[in-house]
Protein backbone atom coordinates (compact mmCIF):
# COMPACT_ATOMS: atom_id res chain seq x y z
CA MET A 1 39.71 125.30 196.55
CA ALA A 2 37.68 126.00 193.45
CA ALA A 3 39.23 128.55 191.19
CA PRO A 4 37.26 131.38 189.50
CA ALA A 5 38.11 130.41 185.95
CA ALA A 6 38.16 133.92 184.50
CA SER A 7 40.73 135.49 186.97
CA LEU A 8 43.28 132.69 186.83
CA ALA A 9 42.76 131.97 183.18
CA ALA A 10 43.74 135.58 182.40
CA LEU A 11 47.30 134.84 183.76
CA GLY A 12 48.01 132.05 181.21
CA PRO A 13 50.29 131.24 179.72
CA VAL A 14 52.67 131.83 182.66
CA LEU A 15 56.32 132.24 181.71
CA ILE A 16 58.47 130.76 184.49
CA ALA A 17 61.63 132.85 184.47
CA ASN A 18 63.77 130.32 186.42
CA ARG A 19 65.11 126.83 186.37
CA GLY A 20 65.55 123.69 188.54
CA GLU A 21 63.25 122.63 191.26
CA ILE A 22 61.48 125.91 191.79
CA ALA A 23 60.44 126.01 188.01
CA CYS A 24 59.13 122.41 188.39
CA ARG A 25 57.34 123.45 191.57
CA ILE A 26 55.59 126.47 189.88
CA ALA A 27 54.66 124.33 186.87
CA ALA A 28 53.01 121.67 189.06
CA THR A 29 50.64 124.24 190.74
CA CYS A 30 49.84 125.85 187.43
CA ARG A 31 49.03 122.45 185.93
CA ARG A 32 46.74 121.60 188.86
CA LEU A 33 44.89 124.92 188.31
CA GLY A 34 44.70 124.44 184.55
CA ILE A 35 47.06 127.32 183.68
CA PRO A 36 49.48 126.69 180.76
CA THR A 37 53.16 127.34 181.32
CA VAL A 38 56.22 128.32 179.38
CA ALA A 39 59.71 127.29 180.52
CA VAL A 40 62.88 129.14 179.60
CA TYR A 41 66.22 127.36 179.36
CA SER A 42 69.89 128.10 178.66
CA ASP A 43 72.03 125.88 176.46
CA ALA A 44 73.09 123.98 179.51
CA ASP A 45 69.47 123.16 180.38
CA ALA A 46 68.06 122.20 177.02
CA THR A 47 67.06 118.75 178.26
CA ALA A 48 66.45 119.69 181.90
CA LEU A 49 63.51 118.44 183.92
CA HIS A 50 61.93 121.94 184.26
CA VAL A 51 61.71 122.12 180.49
CA ALA A 52 59.77 118.87 180.36
CA ALA A 53 57.54 120.01 183.21
CA ALA A 54 56.13 122.94 181.22
CA ASP A 55 53.72 123.05 178.31
CA ASP A 56 56.07 125.04 176.10
CA ALA A 57 59.71 126.12 176.30
CA GLU A 58 61.90 128.91 174.97
CA ARG A 59 65.69 129.13 174.66
CA ILE A 60 67.06 132.28 176.24
CA GLY A 61 70.84 132.01 175.58
CA PRO A 62 74.18 130.39 176.53
CA ALA A 63 74.86 128.76 179.93
CA PRO A 64 76.31 131.70 181.83
CA PRO A 65 73.42 133.25 183.91
CA ARG A 66 74.17 136.87 182.69
CA GLU A 67 73.60 135.76 179.14
CA SER A 68 70.41 133.73 179.96
CA TYR A 69 68.52 133.65 183.26
CA LEU A 70 69.66 137.19 184.19
CA SER A 71 69.05 138.72 180.79
CA ILE A 72 65.91 140.82 180.97
CA PRO A 73 65.74 141.35 177.17
CA ALA A 74 66.08 137.59 176.44
CA ILE A 75 63.34 136.70 178.86
CA LEU A 76 60.96 139.37 177.58
CA ASP A 77 61.67 138.20 174.01
CA ALA A 78 60.78 134.67 175.11
CA ALA A 79 57.57 135.86 176.65
CA ARG A 80 56.55 137.72 173.52
CA HIS A 81 57.44 134.74 171.24
CA ALA A 82 55.40 132.33 173.44
CA GLY A 83 52.40 134.65 173.88
CA ALA A 84 52.79 134.68 177.64
CA ARG A 85 50.51 136.86 179.70
CA SER A 86 52.37 136.79 182.96
CA VAL A 87 55.77 136.04 184.43
CA HIS A 88 56.66 134.11 187.61
CA PRO A 89 60.28 134.81 188.65
CA GLY A 90 60.63 132.04 191.21
CA TYR A 91 63.54 132.81 193.64
CA GLY A 92 67.04 133.97 192.84
CA PHE A 93 68.02 135.26 189.46
CA LEU A 94 65.70 138.22 188.62
CA SER A 95 63.09 137.56 191.37
CA GLU A 96 64.10 140.66 193.41
CA ASN A 97 65.10 142.89 190.50
CA ALA A 98 62.84 145.94 190.49
CA ASP A 99 63.94 146.81 186.93
CA PHE A 100 62.66 143.38 185.76
CA ALA A 101 59.35 143.80 187.49
CA ALA A 102 58.99 147.27 185.89
CA ALA A 103 60.04 145.90 182.48
CA CYS A 104 57.39 143.12 182.69
CA ALA A 105 54.69 145.68 183.54
CA ALA A 106 55.81 147.93 180.72
CA ALA A 107 55.54 144.94 178.28
CA GLY A 108 51.95 144.32 179.33
CA LEU A 109 52.93 141.21 181.38
CA VAL A 110 51.63 140.52 184.89
CA PHE A 111 54.54 140.19 187.25
CA ILE A 112 53.63 137.48 189.72
CA GLY A 113 55.33 139.21 192.62
CA PRO A 114 55.37 142.61 194.36
CA PRO A 115 55.31 145.88 192.51
CA ALA A 116 58.69 147.38 191.53
CA GLU A 117 58.28 150.13 194.03
CA ALA A 118 57.95 147.72 196.86
CA ILE A 119 60.99 145.77 195.69
CA ARG A 120 63.05 148.92 195.61
CA ALA A 121 61.77 149.99 198.97
CA MET A 122 62.67 146.61 200.70
CA GLY A 123 65.02 144.81 198.27
CA GLY A 124 68.09 146.61 199.52
CA LYS A 125 69.23 145.91 203.08
CA ALA A 126 69.84 149.59 203.83
CA ALA A 127 66.53 150.74 202.43
CA ALA A 128 64.75 148.09 204.35
CA ARG A 129 66.35 149.19 207.64
CA ALA A 130 65.12 152.68 206.94
CA VAL A 131 61.59 151.48 206.39
CA ALA A 132 61.82 149.43 209.61
CA ARG A 133 62.83 152.52 211.56
CA GLY A 134 59.88 154.39 210.18
CA ALA A 135 57.51 151.54 211.12
CA GLY A 136 58.97 151.35 214.65
CA VAL A 137 60.44 147.91 214.10
CA PRO A 138 63.90 147.47 215.85
CA SER A 139 66.86 146.52 213.62
CA VAL A 140 70.27 145.30 214.57
CA PRO A 141 72.34 148.35 215.56
CA GLY A 142 74.59 149.48 212.72
CA TYR A 143 75.28 151.96 209.88
CA ASP A 144 73.39 152.10 206.55
CA GLY A 145 74.25 155.62 205.35
CA GLU A 146 75.11 156.92 201.92
CA ASN A 147 78.64 157.90 202.81
CA GLN A 148 80.59 154.80 201.91
CA SER A 149 84.14 155.97 202.55
CA ASP A 150 86.54 153.54 204.22
CA ALA A 151 86.97 156.01 207.09
CA VAL A 152 83.27 156.45 207.76
CA LEU A 153 82.57 152.79 207.65
CA LEU A 154 85.38 151.94 210.05
CA ALA A 155 84.21 154.61 212.45
CA ALA A 156 80.70 153.15 212.33
CA ALA A 157 82.08 149.77 213.16
CA GLU A 158 83.99 151.17 216.05
CA SER A 159 80.89 153.04 217.24
CA VAL A 160 78.70 149.89 217.42
CA GLY A 161 81.58 147.86 218.78
CA PHE A 162 83.39 144.87 217.29
CA PRO A 163 82.79 142.17 216.20
CA VAL A 164 80.67 143.43 213.32
CA MET A 165 79.15 142.12 210.11
CA ILE A 166 79.79 143.82 206.76
CA LYS A 167 76.90 143.16 204.32
CA ALA A 168 76.50 144.08 200.66
CA VAL A 169 73.43 146.23 200.42
CA ALA A 170 72.24 144.33 197.32
CA GLY A 171 73.76 140.95 198.12
CA GLY A 172 72.09 137.65 198.74
CA GLY A 173 72.70 134.00 199.47
CA GLY A 174 75.55 134.79 201.88
CA ARG A 175 77.62 136.61 199.23
CA GLY A 176 79.06 140.02 200.10
CA MET A 177 79.08 139.22 203.82
CA ARG A 178 82.07 139.30 206.08
CA ARG A 179 82.45 138.79 209.82
CA VAL A 180 84.96 141.18 211.25
CA PRO A 181 86.49 140.49 214.70
CA ASP A 182 88.47 143.71 215.13
CA ALA A 183 89.62 146.97 213.49
CA ALA A 184 92.79 145.39 212.14
CA ALA A 185 90.75 142.93 210.09
CA PHE A 186 88.27 145.59 208.79
CA PRO A 187 90.06 146.91 205.61
CA ALA A 188 90.57 143.41 204.06
CA ALA A 189 87.06 142.37 204.97
CA LEU A 190 85.61 145.57 203.46
CA GLU A 191 87.49 145.00 200.26
CA GLY A 192 86.31 141.36 200.02
CA ALA A 193 82.66 142.35 200.73
CA ARG A 194 82.83 145.12 198.02
CA ARG A 195 84.38 142.72 195.54
CA GLU A 196 81.58 140.21 195.91
CA ALA A 197 78.91 142.96 195.98
CA ALA A 198 80.08 144.16 192.58
CA ALA A 199 78.41 141.05 191.15
CA PHE A 200 75.08 142.52 192.16
CA GLY A 201 75.80 145.76 190.39
CA ASP A 202 76.01 147.77 193.67
CA THR A 203 79.15 147.95 195.78
CA ARG A 204 77.58 149.71 198.71
CA VAL A 205 77.71 147.95 202.08
CA LEU A 206 76.30 148.34 205.53
CA VAL A 207 77.82 147.59 208.91
CA GLU A 208 75.89 145.74 211.73
CA LYS A 209 76.72 144.72 215.19
CA LEU A 210 77.46 140.93 215.03
CA VAL A 211 75.17 138.90 217.26
CA GLN A 212 77.83 136.36 217.98
CA ARG A 213 75.58 133.36 218.68
CA ALA A 214 72.60 133.99 216.46
CA ARG A 215 69.45 132.30 215.51
CA HIS A 216 67.84 133.14 212.10
CA ILE A 217 64.08 133.52 212.25
CA GLU A 218 61.86 134.67 209.43
CA VAL A 219 58.19 135.44 209.10
CA GLN A 220 56.17 134.60 205.88
CA VAL A 221 53.78 137.39 204.87
CA PHE A 222 51.19 137.73 202.14
CA ALA A 223 49.43 140.78 200.91
CA ASP A 224 46.84 141.44 198.18
CA ARG A 225 45.79 144.40 196.16
CA HIS A 226 42.78 145.05 198.48
CA GLY A 227 44.75 146.14 201.57
CA ASN A 228 44.80 142.76 203.24
CA VAL A 229 48.05 141.60 204.85
CA VAL A 230 48.53 138.34 206.86
CA HIS A 231 51.42 136.28 208.19
CA LEU A 232 51.69 132.49 207.96
CA GLY A 233 53.83 131.95 211.02
CA GLU A 234 57.60 131.74 211.23
CA ARG A 235 60.45 129.59 210.12
CA ASP A 236 63.75 128.93 211.88
CA CYS A 237 66.60 128.89 209.37
CA THR A 238 69.51 128.68 211.83
CA LEU A 239 71.40 125.76 210.34
CA GLN A 240 73.69 127.32 207.75
CA ARG A 241 77.04 127.03 205.98
CA ARG A 242 78.80 130.11 204.68
CA ASN A 243 75.74 132.21 205.63
CA GLN A 244 73.56 129.99 203.38
CA LYS A 245 70.65 128.08 204.79
CA LEU A 246 70.72 124.23 204.73
CA VAL A 247 67.94 123.30 207.16
CA GLU A 248 64.71 125.14 207.83
CA GLU A 249 61.78 124.31 210.18
CA SER A 250 58.43 125.67 211.26
CA PRO A 251 57.44 126.47 213.94
CA ALA A 252 60.61 127.81 215.45
CA PRO A 253 61.79 126.02 218.57
CA GLY A 254 60.94 128.00 221.71
CA MET A 255 58.36 130.20 219.99
CA ASP A 256 55.14 130.81 221.85
CA ALA A 257 51.78 132.24 220.65
CA ALA A 258 52.34 135.68 222.11
CA LEU A 259 55.83 136.08 220.52
CA ARG A 260 54.60 134.78 217.24
CA GLU A 261 51.74 137.40 217.26
CA GLU A 262 54.31 140.16 218.04
CA LEU A 263 56.71 139.07 215.17
CA GLY A 264 53.70 138.70 212.93
CA ARG A 265 52.63 142.27 213.84
CA ARG A 266 56.08 143.64 213.04
CA ALA A 267 56.24 141.77 209.71
CA THR A 268 52.82 142.86 208.47
CA ALA A 269 53.46 146.44 209.52
CA LEU A 270 56.53 146.49 207.41
CA ALA A 271 54.74 144.99 204.44
CA SER A 272 51.90 147.47 204.80
CA ALA A 273 54.35 150.36 205.03
CA VAL A 274 55.57 149.86 201.46
CA GLY A 275 52.27 148.78 199.84
CA TYR A 276 53.48 145.24 199.49
CA VAL A 277 51.62 142.70 197.27
CA GLY A 278 52.19 138.93 197.05
CA ALA A 279 54.60 136.68 198.98
CA GLY A 280 57.36 138.08 201.06
CA THR A 281 59.62 137.15 204.01
CA LEU A 282 60.78 139.38 206.88
CA GLU A 283 64.04 138.09 208.29
CA PHE A 284 65.04 138.57 211.94
CA VAL A 285 68.07 137.61 213.99
CA ALA A 286 67.67 136.42 217.59
CA ASP A 287 70.23 135.99 220.40
CA ALA A 288 70.86 132.30 220.79
CA ASP A 289 72.35 132.76 224.24
CA ALA A 290 68.96 133.40 225.74
CA PRO A 291 65.40 132.21 225.35
CA LEU A 292 63.42 133.90 222.54
CA ALA A 293 62.09 137.22 223.64
CA ALA A 294 60.68 140.27 221.75
CA ASP A 295 63.47 142.56 222.93
CA ARG A 296 66.22 140.20 221.69
CA ILE A 297 64.98 139.71 218.16
CA TRP A 298 65.96 142.27 215.52
CA PHE A 299 64.90 142.88 211.89
CA ILE A 300 67.70 142.46 209.30
CA GLU A 301 66.13 142.41 205.83
CA MET A 302 63.22 141.49 203.64
CA ASN A 303 63.14 138.93 200.77
CA THR A 304 60.60 140.33 198.22
CA ARG A 305 59.84 136.87 196.75
CA LEU A 306 58.95 133.34 197.47
CA GLN A 307 61.62 131.57 199.63
CA VAL A 308 63.41 128.36 198.94
CA GLU A 309 62.11 127.11 202.29
CA HIS A 310 58.38 127.87 201.70
CA PRO A 311 57.41 124.13 201.67
CA VAL A 312 57.78 123.88 205.51
CA THR A 313 55.16 126.70 205.81
CA GLU A 314 52.95 124.81 203.31
CA MET A 315 53.27 121.63 205.36
CA VAL A 316 52.23 123.15 208.63
CA THR A 317 49.44 125.40 207.14
CA GLY A 318 48.14 122.98 204.45
CA LEU A 319 48.30 125.77 201.88
CA ASP A 320 49.85 126.08 198.43
CA LEU A 321 51.80 129.37 198.50
CA VAL A 322 52.35 129.33 194.73
CA GLU A 323 48.51 129.19 194.33
CA TRP A 324 48.23 132.13 196.61
CA GLN A 325 50.74 134.02 194.55
CA LEU A 326 48.72 133.33 191.43
CA ARG A 327 45.44 134.31 192.94
CA VAL A 328 46.83 137.61 194.29
CA ALA A 329 48.41 138.34 190.88
CA ALA A 330 45.00 137.73 189.25
CA GLY A 331 43.45 140.39 191.49
CA GLU A 332 41.74 138.08 193.90
CA PRO A 333 41.71 138.88 197.68
CA LEU A 334 43.73 136.64 199.97
CA PRO A 335 42.00 133.23 200.41
CA LEU A 336 42.07 133.42 204.20
CA ARG A 337 41.95 135.99 206.98
CA GLN A 338 44.52 136.01 209.80
CA GLU A 339 42.25 134.29 212.29
CA GLN A 340 41.57 131.46 209.83
CA ILE A 341 45.26 130.49 209.48
CA ARG A 342 46.32 127.59 211.67
CA LEU A 343 49.61 125.79 212.18
CA ASP A 344 49.38 122.03 212.53
CA GLY A 345 52.41 119.92 213.70
CA HIS A 346 55.95 120.56 212.78
CA ALA A 347 57.86 120.53 209.42
CA VAL A 348 61.63 120.49 208.67
CA GLU A 349 63.27 120.89 205.28
CA ALA A 350 66.85 119.97 204.22
CA ARG A 351 68.52 121.18 201.09
CA LEU A 352 70.10 118.24 199.18
CA CYS A 353 73.01 119.80 197.35
CA ALA A 354 75.74 118.63 195.03
CA GLU A 355 78.56 119.52 197.32
CA ASP A 356 81.25 117.89 199.54
CA PRO A 357 81.03 118.79 203.23
CA ALA A 358 84.43 117.16 203.79
CA ARG A 359 85.99 119.72 201.44
CA GLY A 360 84.45 122.83 202.97
CA PHE A 361 81.10 122.30 201.15
CA LEU A 362 82.74 122.87 197.74
CA PRO A 363 80.26 122.23 194.87
CA SER A 364 80.50 118.90 193.16
CA PRO A 365 79.56 119.21 189.58
CA GLY A 366 79.47 116.36 187.10
CA ARG A 367 77.22 113.93 185.42
CA LEU A 368 74.46 112.63 187.72
CA ALA A 369 74.86 108.88 186.77
CA ALA A 370 72.15 107.82 189.28
CA LEU A 371 69.92 109.51 191.84
CA HIS A 372 67.93 107.83 194.56
CA LEU A 373 65.46 110.05 196.39
CA PRO A 374 63.06 108.86 199.21
CA GLU A 375 59.73 107.76 197.89
CA GLY A 376 56.67 106.54 199.69
CA LEU A 377 57.67 107.64 203.16
CA GLU A 378 54.82 108.88 205.37
CA GLY A 379 54.90 112.61 205.88
CA VAL A 380 57.83 113.15 203.48
CA ARG A 381 57.80 115.42 200.36
CA VAL A 382 60.57 115.80 197.82
CA ASP A 383 60.79 118.75 195.45
CA THR A 384 63.48 118.26 192.74
CA GLY A 385 64.57 119.69 189.44
CA VAL A 386 66.98 116.97 188.35
CA ARG A 387 66.91 113.34 187.28
CA ALA A 388 69.48 110.56 186.59
CA GLY A 389 71.56 111.40 183.62
CA ASP A 390 71.52 115.18 184.05
CA LEU A 391 74.73 117.20 184.06
CA VAL A 392 75.18 119.22 187.24
CA THR A 393 77.04 122.29 185.90
CA PRO A 394 79.14 124.83 187.77
CA PHE A 395 77.05 127.61 186.27
CA TYR A 396 74.15 127.42 188.81
CA ASP A 397 73.34 126.75 192.49
CA PRO A 398 74.24 123.20 193.51
CA LEU A 399 70.71 122.53 194.91
CA LEU A 400 69.44 119.20 193.65
CA ALA A 401 66.31 118.75 195.77
CA LYS A 402 64.52 119.73 198.89
CA VAL A 403 63.46 116.95 201.28
CA ILE A 404 60.69 117.96 203.71
CA ALA A 405 59.16 116.07 206.52
CA HIS A 406 56.00 116.79 208.51
CA ALA A 407 54.82 115.14 211.76
CA PRO A 408 52.73 115.97 214.83
CA THR A 409 55.83 116.81 216.91
CA ARG A 410 59.25 118.33 216.18
CA GLU A 411 61.05 115.11 217.36
CA ALA A 412 58.99 112.98 214.96
CA ALA A 413 59.60 115.37 212.06
CA LEU A 414 63.37 115.33 212.67
CA ASP A 415 63.29 111.56 212.80
CA ARG A 416 61.40 111.34 209.53
CA LEU A 417 63.71 113.73 207.73
CA ALA A 418 66.77 112.05 208.97
CA GLU A 419 65.54 108.68 207.76
CA ALA A 420 64.51 110.20 204.37
CA LEU A 421 68.09 111.64 204.00
CA ARG A 422 69.68 108.35 204.79
CA ARG A 423 67.81 106.91 201.78
CA CYS A 424 69.25 109.54 199.45
CA ALA A 425 72.08 108.49 197.18
CA ALA A 426 73.81 109.69 194.01
CA GLU A 427 76.47 108.41 191.62
CA GLY A 428 78.81 110.59 189.68
CA ILE A 429 78.82 113.45 192.18
CA ARG A 430 78.99 113.97 195.93
CA ILE A 431 75.94 115.03 197.93
CA ASN A 432 75.49 116.29 201.41
CA ALA A 433 72.67 113.90 202.64
CA ALA A 434 74.64 111.89 205.15
CA PHE A 435 76.06 115.08 206.68
CA LEU A 436 72.63 116.62 207.01
CA ALA A 437 71.22 113.45 208.65
CA ALA A 438 74.02 113.57 211.19
CA ALA A 439 73.25 117.23 211.87
CA LEU A 440 69.61 116.44 212.44
CA ASP A 441 70.51 113.60 214.80
CA SER A 442 72.94 115.74 216.88
CA ALA A 443 72.08 116.60 220.51
CA GLU A 444 72.31 120.27 219.81
CA MET A 445 69.71 120.10 216.99
CA ARG A 446 67.42 117.87 219.01
CA SER A 447 67.50 120.28 221.93
CA GLY A 448 67.11 123.39 219.72
CA GLU A 449 70.37 124.82 221.12
CA VAL A 450 71.97 125.67 217.83
CA ASP A 451 73.25 128.96 216.26
CA THR A 452 74.22 129.97 212.75
CA GLY A 453 77.83 128.82 213.32
CA PHE A 454 76.98 125.35 214.56
CA LEU A 455 77.56 123.47 211.23
CA GLU A 456 80.99 124.97 210.75
CA ARG A 457 82.04 124.33 214.38
CA ALA A 458 80.70 120.74 214.40
CA ARG A 459 81.67 119.85 210.84
CA THR A 460 84.41 117.43 211.75
CA ARG A 461 82.28 115.67 214.39
CA LEU A 462 79.31 115.39 212.03
CA LEU A 463 81.53 114.05 209.22
CA LEU A 464 82.68 111.31 211.60
CA ALA A 465 79.14 110.61 212.70
CA ARG A 466 77.91 110.17 209.10
CA ALA A 467 80.57 107.50 208.51
CA ALA A 468 79.77 105.53 211.67
């Protein structure tokens, strides 16, 4: 796709306010489009791959995230020093921070993401539920009110009926979430959720009815500044550990064209309701005890950024979502209309992490003495931000790489991804590749009959299968 030189050139240099594989991913698209980039790095990342992937680099502080990747003043200083014209936040860190988006705008920088007002409207789970109610989109029954007293929250839980889920309003990545089986367990769970929520600067929580066997389905949306909003199909992100995704796929098993259209309608309606711009994801929970149906799928939250799992959407649509972000930020209309977007085949992604499934998925920091990733396999893509010799520190997420497979059918895509994972190896740290391959080979995954608790329940069996 030919780029109008003036619109995209006006974005450069792009400061990438992130690290690891997503920073490398953004840099690659910018390089293809001829847009210069600036990396930022903490002291722990001075020699990291994402630094080498950019055209320029700026130090932003010590290793702890709050002193570097979460420091708005440090990142804005880096942007000024490097002469950046725009900022891409990636995912995580400051990507859903409305104050950061507003600070970028105030500094004369283009924020390659939604406006601060849209982040505020949808970035918090309680606020997003309120928008959904106004747009007529059904949410999971629950309480998201301002009264946060212990008594009111417990009464709300009893009203919707146990078991319930407590969620930090501003949380993410599974933090600030607690499953609560009964009233006796509620006080301790509430205290734990609030304690983790404090790390996000907001101790408010909401209470939702727990769908006991749940599937996690999300819809990718895109909007421009000209009033156009489209969806790019759905992703199934049901395979999780500790409420954090490990495997994602598109299309979702059991999804038909009519239901996809309905979920797409709900997602684009919500995006339109808040004047959304750029890439976003609407997350839904479905009842895994029954076939997918519109009346058994409920909205839970919106991620106002690019998702970790965006490559599976890219693989089935043939589109570069980072390029779409850049074009929208440059003021261009969306490259395609809804009727022009097609899904081709099936794609599955696995998150290769420095963690030990045998020890409850504990992170495995250390020196990455050697790393072997699958190369040259048909239909397989690898996005990584590390290389042999790197130090995997405890300061950041343990994600090492994303391995994505695409094929004409779901079965073939699962086969390709499992084979690719079996070719992954590392020395100096533990990785979860063999465990993930066993999960992909399981009868439950092959039949599509999984729920968000599957990996935890089947962990022992999958650990034995990986060693066979």
